[in-house]
Amino acid sequence: MAGKHKVILSERAREDLLRLVDEGYGDKVDGMLTGLEEDPFRQPYQKLSVGLEGRCARRINLRDRLVYKVIGSEEGDVVLVLRMKGTYRGIDALLSL
């Protein structure tokens, strides 16, 4: 059964996904993406602030976070996954997305 939200990966997130699969986190990330389709605001997630307002993060492992934002549209909500490697701290490129 498809979720009610459409999940789209940015180019950077697609690159990060390949690296995470190589590191053995493919199943975990797949489950997280499926969860975002169902409900991007189901716990556990963290609302980001200090320049990253409107974005959320979920912990993949101690080092990496799945960072995303939810965009409303006439067809329904779209979940844009911005990146999956590293943490949200110090990611200046996210400020423009």
PDB file of N, CA and C in Angstrom:
ATOM      1  N   MET A   1       0.842  -1.185   0.000  1.00  0.00           N
ATOM      2  CA  MET A   1       0.000   0.000   0.000  1.00  0.00           C
ATOM      3  C   MET A   1       0.883   1.244   0.000  1.00  0.00           C
ATOM      4  N   ALA A   2       0.663   2.106  -0.943  1.00  0.00           N
ATOM      5  CA  ALA A   2       1.466   3.324  -1.034  1.00  0.00           C
ATOM      6  C   ALA A   2       1.051   4.299   0.051  1.00  0.00           C
ATOM      7  N   GLY A   3       2.024   5.089   0.510  1.00  0.00           N
ATOM      8  CA  GLY A   3       1.752   6.086   1.530  1.00  0.00           C
ATOM      9  C   GLY A   3       1.024   7.283   0.942  1.00  0.00           C
ATOM     10  N   LYS A   4       0.592   8.156   1.820  1.00  0.00           N
ATOM     11  CA  LYS A   4      -0.148   9.322   1.356  1.00  0.00           C
ATOM     12  C   LYS A   4       0.756  10.488   1.013  1.00  0.00           C
ATOM     13  N   HIS A   5       2.051  10.372   1.286  1.00  0.00           N
ATOM     14  CA  HIS A   5       3.012  11.423   0.971  1.00  0.00           C
ATOM     15  C   HIS A   5       3.983  10.911  -0.086  1.00  0.00           C
ATOM     16  N   LYS A   6       4.348  11.784  -0.998  1.00  0.00           N
ATOM     17  CA  LYS A   6       5.330  11.423  -2.028  1.00  0.00           C
ATOM     18  C   LYS A   6       6.707  11.829  -1.518  1.00  0.00           C
ATOM     19  N   VAL A   7       7.651  10.898  -1.518  1.00  0.00           N
ATOM     20  CA  VAL A   7       9.011  11.164  -1.073  1.00  0.00           C
ATOM     21  C   VAL A   7       9.905  11.348  -2.289  1.00  0.00           C
ATOM     22  N   ILE A   8      10.613  12.471  -2.321  1.00  0.00           N
ATOM     23  CA  ILE A   8      11.541  12.786  -3.409  1.00  0.00           C
ATOM     24  C   ILE A   8      12.923  12.989  -2.790  1.00  0.00           C
ATOM     25  N   LEU A   9      13.931  12.374  -3.389  1.00  0.00           N
ATOM     26  CA  LEU A   9      15.310  12.530  -2.924  1.00  0.00           C
ATOM     27  C   LEU A   9      16.016  13.583  -3.763  1.00  0.00           C
ATOM     28  N   SER A  10      16.683  14.508  -3.095  1.00  0.00           N
ATOM     29  CA  SER A  10      17.529  15.461  -3.812  1.00  0.00           C
ATOM     30  C   SER A  10      18.699  14.700  -4.421  1.00  0.00           C
ATOM     31  N   GLU A  11      19.404  15.336  -5.332  1.00  0.00           N
ATOM     32  CA  GLU A  11      20.583  14.698  -5.929  1.00  0.00           C
ATOM     33  C   GLU A  11      21.584  14.312  -4.845  1.00  0.00           C
ATOM     34  N   ARG A  12      21.788  15.204  -3.879  1.00  0.00           N
ATOM     35  CA  ARG A  12      22.721  14.918  -2.779  1.00  0.00           C
ATOM     36  C   ARG A  12      22.245  13.728  -1.956  1.00  0.00           C
ATOM     37  N   ALA A  13      20.934  13.644  -1.687  1.00  0.00           N
ATOM     38  CA  ALA A  13      20.392  12.532  -0.909  1.00  0.00           C
ATOM     39  C   ALA A  13      20.564  11.208  -1.651  1.00  0.00           C
ATOM     40  N   ARG A  14      20.423  11.225  -2.967  1.00  0.00           N
ATOM     41  CA  ARG A  14      20.632   9.993  -3.747  1.00  0.00           C
ATOM     42  C   ARG A  14      22.081   9.524  -3.633  1.00  0.00           C
ATOM     43  N   GLU A  15      23.015  10.465  -3.684  1.00  0.00           N
ATOM     44  CA  GLU A  15      24.436  10.122  -3.511  1.00  0.00           C
ATOM     45  C   GLU A  15      24.680   9.568  -2.102  1.00  0.00           C
ATOM     46  N   ASP A  16      24.090  10.226  -1.107  1.00  0.00           N
ATOM     47  CA  ASP A  16      24.240   9.778   0.279  1.00  0.00           C
ATOM     48  C   ASP A  16      23.668   8.378   0.464  1.00  0.00           C
ATOM     49  N   LEU A  17      22.531   8.104  -0.177  1.00  0.00           N
ATOM     50  CA  LEU A  17      21.897   6.794  -0.062  1.00  0.00           C
ATOM     51  C   LEU A  17      22.821   5.690  -0.550  1.00  0.00           C
ATOM     52  N   LEU A  18      23.486   5.910  -1.675  1.00  0.00           N
ATOM     53  CA  LEU A  18      24.417   4.900  -2.194  1.00  0.00           C
ATOM     54  C   LEU A  18      25.528   4.617  -1.187  1.00  0.00           C
ATOM     55  N   ARG A  19      26.042   5.645  -0.558  1.00  0.00           N
ATOM     56  CA  ARG A  19      27.093   5.464   0.448  1.00  0.00           C
ATOM     57  C   ARG A  19      26.568   4.720   1.675  1.00  0.00           C
ATOM     58  N   LEU A  20      25.351   5.046   2.091  1.00  0.00           N
ATOM     59  CA  LEU A  20      24.770   4.376   3.257  1.00  0.00           C
ATOM     60  C   LEU A  20      24.496   2.903   2.976  1.00  0.00           C
ATOM     61  N   VAL A  21      24.065   2.586   1.762  1.00  0.00           N
ATOM     62  CA  VAL A  21      23.859   1.184   1.390  1.00  0.00           C
ATOM     63  C   VAL A  21      25.183   0.439   1.463  1.00  0.00           C
ATOM     64  N   ASP A  22      26.256   1.041   0.939  1.00  0.00           N
ATOM     65  CA  ASP A  22      27.588   0.432   0.998  1.00  0.00           C
ATOM     66  C   ASP A  22      28.044   0.208   2.437  1.00  0.00           C
ATOM     67  N   GLU A  23      27.601   1.078   3.360  1.00  0.00           N
ATOM     68  CA  GLU A  23      27.977   0.976   4.774  1.00  0.00           C
ATOM     69  C   GLU A  23      27.061   0.037   5.560  1.00  0.00           C
ATOM     70  N   GLY A  24      26.050  -0.546   4.887  1.00  0.00           N
ATOM     71  CA  GLY A  24      25.179  -1.511   5.549  1.00  0.00           C
ATOM     72  C   GLY A  24      23.914  -0.931   6.170  1.00  0.00           C
ATOM     73  N   TYR A  25      23.561   0.294   5.816  1.00  0.00           N
ATOM     74  CA  TYR A  25      22.371   0.930   6.371  1.00  0.00           C
ATOM     75  C   TYR A  25      21.197   0.976   5.392  1.00  0.00           C
ATOM     76  N   GLY A  26      21.271   0.218   4.316  1.00  0.00           N
ATOM     77  CA  GLY A  26      20.235   0.254   3.295  1.00  0.00           C
ATOM     78  C   GLY A  26      18.850  -0.092   3.812  1.00  0.00           C
ATOM     79  N   ASP A  27      18.735  -1.178   4.586  1.00  0.00           N
ATOM     80  CA  ASP A  27      17.433  -1.588   5.105  1.00  0.00           C
ATOM     81  C   ASP A  27      16.864  -0.556   6.066  1.00  0.00           C
ATOM     82  N   LYS A  28      17.718   0.012   6.904  1.00  0.00           N
ATOM     83  CA  LYS A  28      17.249   1.015   7.862  1.00  0.00           C
ATOM     84  C   LYS A  28      16.736   2.255   7.142  1.00  0.00           C
ATOM     85  N   VAL A  29      17.486   2.734   6.156  1.00  0.00           N
ATOM     86  CA  VAL A  29      17.074   3.924   5.420  1.00  0.00           C
ATOM     87  C   VAL A  29      15.801   3.638   4.629  1.00  0.00           C
ATOM     88  N   ASP A  30      15.687   2.456   4.038  1.00  0.00           N
ATOM     89  CA  ASP A  30      14.474   2.091   3.300  1.00  0.00           C
ATOM     90  C   ASP A  30      13.265   2.152   4.229  1.00  0.00           C
ATOM     91  N   GLY A  31      13.401   1.638   5.428  1.00  0.00           N
ATOM     92  CA  GLY A  31      12.318   1.699   6.405  1.00  0.00           C
ATOM     93  C   GLY A  31      11.972   3.132   6.786  1.00  0.00           C
ATOM     94  N   MET A  32      12.996   3.966   6.914  1.00  0.00           N
ATOM     95  CA  MET A  32      12.760   5.365   7.250  1.00  0.00           C
ATOM     96  C   MET A  32      12.014   6.083   6.122  1.00  0.00           C
ATOM     97  N   LEU A  33      12.394   5.813   4.888  1.00  0.00           N
ATOM     98  CA  LEU A  33      11.729   6.449   3.743  1.00  0.00           C
ATOM     99  C   LEU A  33      10.274   5.990   3.638  1.00  0.00           C
ATOM    100  N   THR A  34      10.019   4.715   3.907  1.00  0.00           N
ATOM    101  CA  THR A  34       8.652   4.206   3.930  1.00  0.00           C
ATOM    102  C   THR A  34       7.851   4.901   5.029  1.00  0.00           C
ATOM    103  N   GLY A  35       8.471   5.101   6.186  1.00  0.00           N
ATOM    104  CA  GLY A  35       7.815   5.812   7.274  1.00  0.00           C
ATOM    105  C   GLY A  35       7.474   7.249   6.913  1.00  0.00           C
ATOM    106  N   LEU A  36       8.346   7.905   6.144  1.00  0.00           N
ATOM    107  CA  LEU A  36       8.072   9.272   5.705  1.00  0.00           C
ATOM    108  C   LEU A  36       6.870   9.312   4.764  1.00  0.00           C
ATOM    109  N   GLU A  37       6.707   8.271   3.947  1.00  0.00           N
ATOM    110  CA  GLU A  37       5.537   8.198   3.071  1.00  0.00           C
ATOM    111  C   GLU A  37       4.255   8.135   3.890  1.00  0.00           C
ATOM    112  N   GLU A  38       4.293   7.400   4.969  1.00  0.00           N
ATOM    113  CA  GLU A  38       3.113   7.228   5.818  1.00  0.00           C
ATOM    114  C   GLU A  38       2.830   8.479   6.645  1.00  0.00           C
ATOM    115  N   ASP A  39       3.831   8.977   7.358  1.00  0.00           N
ATOM    116  CA  ASP A  39       3.637  10.137   8.238  1.00  0.00           C
ATOM    117  C   ASP A  39       4.990  10.755   8.561  1.00  0.00           C
ATOM    118  N   PRO A  40       5.351  11.849   7.891  1.00  0.00           N
ATOM    119  CA  PRO A  40       6.665  12.461   8.127  1.00  0.00           C
ATOM    120  C   PRO A  40       6.789  13.103   9.519  1.00  0.00           C
ATOM    121  N   PHE A  41       5.685  13.196  10.242  1.00  0.00           N
ATOM    122  CA  PHE A  41       5.735  13.815  11.567  1.00  0.00           C
ATOM    123  C   PHE A  41       5.544  12.807  12.706  1.00  0.00           C
ATOM    124  N   ARG A  42       5.596  11.517  12.385  1.00  0.00           N
ATOM    125  CA  ARG A  42       5.539  10.486  13.422  1.00  0.00           C
ATOM    126  C   ARG A  42       6.875  10.486  14.162  1.00  0.00           C
ATOM    127  N   GLN A  43       6.809  10.387  15.454  1.00  0.00           N
ATOM    128  CA  GLN A  43       8.026  10.367  16.278  1.00  0.00           C
ATOM    129  C   GLN A  43       8.804   9.090  15.999  1.00  0.00           C
ATOM    130  N   PRO A  44      10.101   9.079  16.109  1.00  0.00           N
ATOM    131  CA  PRO A  44      10.951  10.183  16.559  1.00  0.00           C
ATOM    132  C   PRO A  44      11.482  11.016  15.391  1.00  0.00           C
ATOM    133  N   TYR A  45      11.363  12.287  15.493  1.00  0.00           N
ATOM    134  CA  TYR A  45      11.990  13.209  14.561  1.00  0.00           C
ATOM    135  C   TYR A  45      12.292  14.477  15.338  1.00  0.00           C
ATOM    136  N   GLN A  46      13.147  15.295  14.758  1.00  0.00           N
ATOM    137  CA  GLN A  46      13.537  16.541  15.414  1.00  0.00           C
ATOM    138  C   GLN A  46      13.257  17.696  14.475  1.00  0.00           C
ATOM    139  N   LYS A  47      12.531  18.700  14.965  1.00  0.00           N
ATOM    140  CA  LYS A  47      12.346  19.927  14.196  1.00  0.00           C
ATOM    141  C   LYS A  47      13.624  20.741  14.319  1.00  0.00           C
ATOM    142  N   LEU A  48      14.153  21.182  13.197  1.00  0.00           N
ATOM    143  CA  LEU A  48      15.394  21.936  13.214  1.00  0.00           C
ATOM    144  C   LEU A  48      15.103  23.425  13.352  1.00  0.00           C
ATOM    145  N   SER A  49      16.075  24.148  13.854  1.00  0.00           N
ATOM    146  CA  SER A  49      15.935  25.592  14.037  1.00  0.00           C
ATOM    147  C   SER A  49      17.257  26.258  13.695  1.00  0.00           C
ATOM    148  N   VAL A  50      17.407  27.489  14.090  1.00  0.00           N
ATOM    149  CA  VAL A  50      18.622  28.282  13.869  1.00  0.00           C
ATOM    150  C   VAL A  50      19.058  28.216  12.401  1.00  0.00           C
ATOM    151  N   GLY A  51      18.250  28.799  11.551  1.00  0.00           N
ATOM    152  CA  GLY A  51      18.583  28.864  10.138  1.00  0.00           C
ATOM    153  C   GLY A  51      18.081  27.697   9.311  1.00  0.00           C
ATOM    154  N   LEU A  52      17.608  26.635   9.947  1.00  0.00           N
ATOM    155  CA  LEU A  52      17.093  25.473   9.218  1.00  0.00           C
ATOM    156  C   LEU A  52      15.617  25.243   9.530  1.00  0.00           C
ATOM    157  N   GLU A  53      14.917  26.309   9.905  1.00  0.00           N
ATOM    158  CA  GLU A  53      13.508  26.192  10.233  1.00  0.00           C
ATOM    159  C   GLU A  53      12.744  25.563   9.072  1.00  0.00           C
ATOM    160  N   GLY A  54      11.727  24.786   9.401  1.00  0.00           N
ATOM    161  CA  GLY A  54      10.919  24.125   8.383  1.00  0.00           C
ATOM    162  C   GLY A  54      11.492  22.791   7.942  1.00  0.00           C
ATOM    163  N   ARG A  55      12.646  22.446   8.454  1.00  0.00           N
ATOM    164  CA  ARG A  55      13.266  21.166   8.115  1.00  0.00           C
ATOM    165  C   ARG A  55      13.249  20.261   9.344  1.00  0.00           C
ATOM    166  N   CYS A  56      13.291  18.961   9.096  1.00  0.00           N
ATOM    167  CA  CYS A  56      13.270  17.974  10.166  1.00  0.00           C
ATOM    168  C   CYS A  56      14.416  16.995   9.954  1.00  0.00           C
ATOM    169  N   ALA A  57      14.771  16.300  11.025  1.00  0.00           N
ATOM    170  CA  ALA A  57      15.849  15.317  10.937  1.00  0.00           C
ATOM    171  C   ALA A  57      15.471  14.059  11.702  1.00  0.00           C
ATOM    172  N   ARG A  58      15.962  12.940  11.216  1.00  0.00           N
ATOM    173  CA  ARG A  58      15.837  11.643  11.886  1.00  0.00           C
ATOM    174  C   ARG A  58      17.223  11.016  11.941  1.00  0.00           C
ATOM    175  N   ARG A  59      17.510  10.372  13.050  1.00  0.00           N
ATOM    176  CA  ARG A  59      18.824   9.753  13.260  1.00  0.00           C
ATOM    177  C   ARG A  59      18.912   8.421  12.517  1.00  0.00           C
ATOM    178  N   ILE A  60      19.917   8.297  11.668  1.00  0.00           N
ATOM    179  CA  ILE A  60      20.212   7.035  10.995  1.00  0.00           C
ATOM    180  C   ILE A  60      21.171   6.225  11.867  1.00  0.00           C
ATOM    181  N   ASN A  61      22.215   6.871  12.327  1.00  0.00           N
ATOM    182  CA  ASN A  61      23.199   6.266  13.227  1.00  0.00           C
ATOM    183  C   ASN A  61      23.824   7.401  14.037  1.00  0.00           C
ATOM    184  N   LEU A  62      24.873   7.135  14.763  1.00  0.00           N
ATOM    185  CA  LEU A  62      25.479   8.177  15.599  1.00  0.00           C
ATOM    186  C   LEU A  62      25.994   9.359  14.789  1.00  0.00           C
ATOM    187  N   ARG A  63      26.378   9.124  13.560  1.00  0.00           N
ATOM    188  CA  ARG A  63      27.021  10.141  12.738  1.00  0.00           C
ATOM    189  C   ARG A  63      26.100  10.785  11.707  1.00  0.00           C
ATOM    190  N   ASP A  64      25.110  10.064  11.210  1.00  0.00           N
ATOM    191  CA  ASP A  64      24.340  10.514  10.052  1.00  0.00           C
ATOM    192  C   ASP A  64      22.880  10.795  10.398  1.00  0.00           C
ATOM    193  N   ARG A  65      22.334  11.816   9.728  1.00  0.00           N
ATOM    194  CA  ARG A  65      20.939  12.209   9.906  1.00  0.00           C
ATOM    195  C   ARG A  65      20.253  12.312   8.548  1.00  0.00           C
ATOM    196  N   LEU A  66      19.008  11.876   8.493  1.00  0.00           N
ATOM    197  CA  LEU A  66      18.182  12.054   7.318  1.00  0.00           C
ATOM    198  C   LEU A  66      17.474  13.398   7.518  1.00  0.00           C
ATOM    199  N   VAL A  67      17.782  14.369   6.672  1.00  0.00           N
ATOM    200  CA  VAL A  67      17.235  15.727   6.791  1.00  0.00           C
ATOM    201  C   VAL A  67      16.234  15.936   5.662  1.00  0.00           C
ATOM    202  N   TYR A  68      15.035  16.417   6.034  1.00  0.00           N
ATOM    203  CA  TYR A  68      13.971  16.572   5.042  1.00  0.00           C
ATOM    204  C   TYR A  68      13.084  17.761   5.374  1.00  0.00           C
ATOM    205  N   LYS A  69      12.267  18.150   4.393  1.00  0.00           N
ATOM    206  CA  LYS A  69      11.225  19.135   4.636  1.00  0.00           C
ATOM    207  C   LYS A  69       9.972  18.691   3.907  1.00  0.00           C
ATOM    208  N   VAL A  70       8.832  19.078   4.453  1.00  0.00           N
ATOM    209  CA  VAL A  70       7.540  18.715   3.889  1.00  0.00           C
ATOM    210  C   VAL A  70       6.986  19.935   3.168  1.00  0.00           C
ATOM    211  N   ILE A  71       6.586  19.719   1.929  1.00  0.00           N
ATOM    212  CA  ILE A  71       6.071  20.793   1.088  1.00  0.00           C
ATOM    213  C   ILE A  71       4.640  20.433   0.703  1.00  0.00           C
ATOM    214  N   GLY A  72       3.700  21.313   0.995  1.00  0.00           N
ATOM    215  CA  GLY A  72       2.316  21.072   0.621  1.00  0.00           C
ATOM    216  C   GLY A  72       2.081  21.404  -0.836  1.00  0.00           C
ATOM    217  N   SER A  73       1.212  20.643  -1.475  1.00  0.00           N
ATOM    218  CA  SER A  73       0.847  20.909  -2.867  1.00  0.00           C
ATOM    219  C   SER A  73      -0.605  20.496  -3.070  1.00  0.00           C
ATOM    220  N   GLU A  74      -1.162  20.824  -4.214  1.00  0.00           N
ATOM    221  CA  GLU A  74      -2.546  20.457  -4.503  1.00  0.00           C
ATOM    222  C   GLU A  74      -2.725  18.944  -4.569  1.00  0.00           C
ATOM    223  N   GLU A  75      -1.698  18.235  -4.978  1.00  0.00           N
ATOM    224  CA  GLU A  75      -1.777  16.778  -5.090  1.00  0.00           C
ATOM    225  C   GLU A  75      -1.541  16.094  -3.761  1.00  0.00           C
ATOM    226  N   GLY A  76      -1.125  16.816  -2.739  1.00  0.00           N
ATOM    227  CA  GLY A  76      -0.802  16.244  -1.440  1.00  0.00           C
ATOM    228  C   GLY A  76       0.586  16.678  -1.021  1.00  0.00           C
ATOM    229  N   ASP A  77       0.967  16.264   0.157  1.00  0.00           N
ATOM    230  CA  ASP A  77       2.273  16.660   0.669  1.00  0.00           C
ATOM    231  C   ASP A  77       3.398  15.904  -0.026  1.00  0.00           C
ATOM    232  N   VAL A  78       4.473  16.635  -0.260  1.00  0.00           N
ATOM    233  CA  VAL A  78       5.696  16.067  -0.819  1.00  0.00           C
ATOM    234  C   VAL A  78       6.753  16.161   0.274  1.00  0.00           C
ATOM    235  N   VAL A  79       7.472  15.075   0.502  1.00  0.00           N
ATOM    236  CA  VAL A  79       8.573  15.066   1.454  1.00  0.00           C
ATOM    237  C   VAL A  79       9.860  15.103   0.637  1.00  0.00           C
ATOM    238  N   LEU A  80      10.585  16.204   0.744  1.00  0.00           N
ATOM    239  CA  LEU A  80      11.842  16.365   0.023  1.00  0.00           C
ATOM    240  C   LEU A  80      12.977  16.001   0.968  1.00  0.00           C
ATOM    241  N   VAL A  81      13.663  14.905   0.671  1.00  0.00           N
ATOM    242  CA  VAL A  81      14.815  14.486   1.465  1.00  0.00           C
ATOM    243  C   VAL A  81      16.025  15.229   0.929  1.00  0.00           C
ATOM    244  N   LEU A  82      16.639  16.039   1.789  1.00  0.00           N
ATOM    245  CA  LEU A  82      17.735  16.910   1.375  1.00  0.00           C
ATOM    246  C   LEU A  82      19.083  16.210   1.415  1.00  0.00           C
ATOM    247  N   ARG A  83      19.313  15.447   2.477  1.00  0.00           N
ATOM    248  CA  ARG A  83      20.562  14.681   2.582  1.00  0.00           C
ATOM    249  C   ARG A  83      20.445  13.630   3.652  1.00  0.00           C
ATOM    250  N   MET A  84      21.422  12.700   3.645  1.00  0.00           N
ATOM    251  CA  MET A  84      21.397  11.598   4.596  1.00  0.00           C
ATOM    252  C   MET A  84      22.748  11.329   5.246  1.00  0.00           C
ATOM    253  N   LYS A  85      23.771  12.007   4.826  1.00  0.00           N
ATOM    254  CA  LYS A  85      25.103  11.791   5.411  1.00  0.00           C
ATOM    255  C   LYS A  85      25.485  13.020   6.212  1.00  0.00           C
ATOM    256  N   GLY A  86      26.092  12.798   7.351  1.00  0.00           N
ATOM    257  CA  GLY A  86      26.508  13.894   8.208  1.00  0.00           C
ATOM    258  C   GLY A  86      25.355  14.351   9.074  1.00  0.00           C
ATOM    259  N   THR A  87      25.580  15.424   9.807  1.00  0.00           N
ATOM    260  CA  THR A  87      24.531  15.996  10.639  1.00  0.00           C
ATOM    261  C   THR A  87      24.053  17.291  10.015  1.00  0.00           C
ATOM    262  N   TYR A  88      23.023  17.866  10.594  1.00  0.00           N
ATOM    263  CA  TYR A  88      22.459  19.103  10.064  1.00  0.00           C
ATOM    264  C   TYR A  88      23.294  20.311  10.444  1.00  0.00           C
ATOM    265  N   ARG A  89      24.184  20.183  11.401  1.00  0.00           N
ATOM    266  CA  ARG A  89      24.999  21.309  11.845  1.00  0.00           C
ATOM    267  C   ARG A  89      26.043  21.657  10.787  1.00  0.00           C
ATOM    268  N   GLY A  90      26.130  22.927  10.453  1.00  0.00           N
ATOM    269  CA  GLY A  90      27.153  23.378   9.530  1.00  0.00           C
ATOM    270  C   GLY A  90      26.883  23.083   8.072  1.00  0.00           C
ATOM    271  N   ILE A  91      25.653  22.756   7.726  1.00  0.00           N
ATOM    272  CA  ILE A  91      25.329  22.447   6.338  1.00  0.00           C
ATOM    273  C   ILE A  91      24.752  23.703   5.694  1.00  0.00           C
ATOM    274  N   ASP A  92      25.596  24.580   5.223  1.00  0.00           N
ATOM    275  CA  ASP A  92      25.146  25.842   4.650  1.00  0.00           C
ATOM    276  C   ASP A  92      24.308  25.642   3.393  1.00  0.00           C
ATOM    277  N   ALA A  93      24.578  24.594   2.640  1.00  0.00           N
ATOM    278  CA  ALA A  93      23.840  24.370   1.393  1.00  0.00           C
ATOM    279  C   ALA A  93      22.357  24.155   1.649  1.00  0.00           C
ATOM    280  N   LEU A  94      21.979  23.650   2.818  1.00  0.00           N
ATOM    281  CA  LEU A  94      20.577  23.416   3.116  1.00  0.00           C
ATOM    282  C   LEU A  94      19.795  24.712   3.266  1.00  0.00           C
ATOM    283  N   LEU A  95      20.486  25.789   3.587  1.00  0.00           N
ATOM    284  CA  LEU A  95      19.798  27.044   3.805  1.00  0.00           C
ATOM    285  C   LEU A  95      19.100  27.549   2.548  1.00  0.00           C
ATOM    286  N   SER A  96      19.627  27.188   1.385  1.00  0.00           N
ATOM    287  CA  SER A  96      19.040  27.670   0.138  1.00  0.00           C
ATOM    288  C   SER A  96      17.934  26.776  -0.392  1.00  0.00           C
ATOM    289  N   LEU A  97      17.708  25.630   0.229  1.00  0.00           N
ATOM    290  CA  LEU A  97      16.690  24.686  -0.283  1.00  0.00           C
ATOM    291  C   LEU A  97      15.336  24.955   0.324  1.00  0.00           C
TER     292      LEU A  97
END
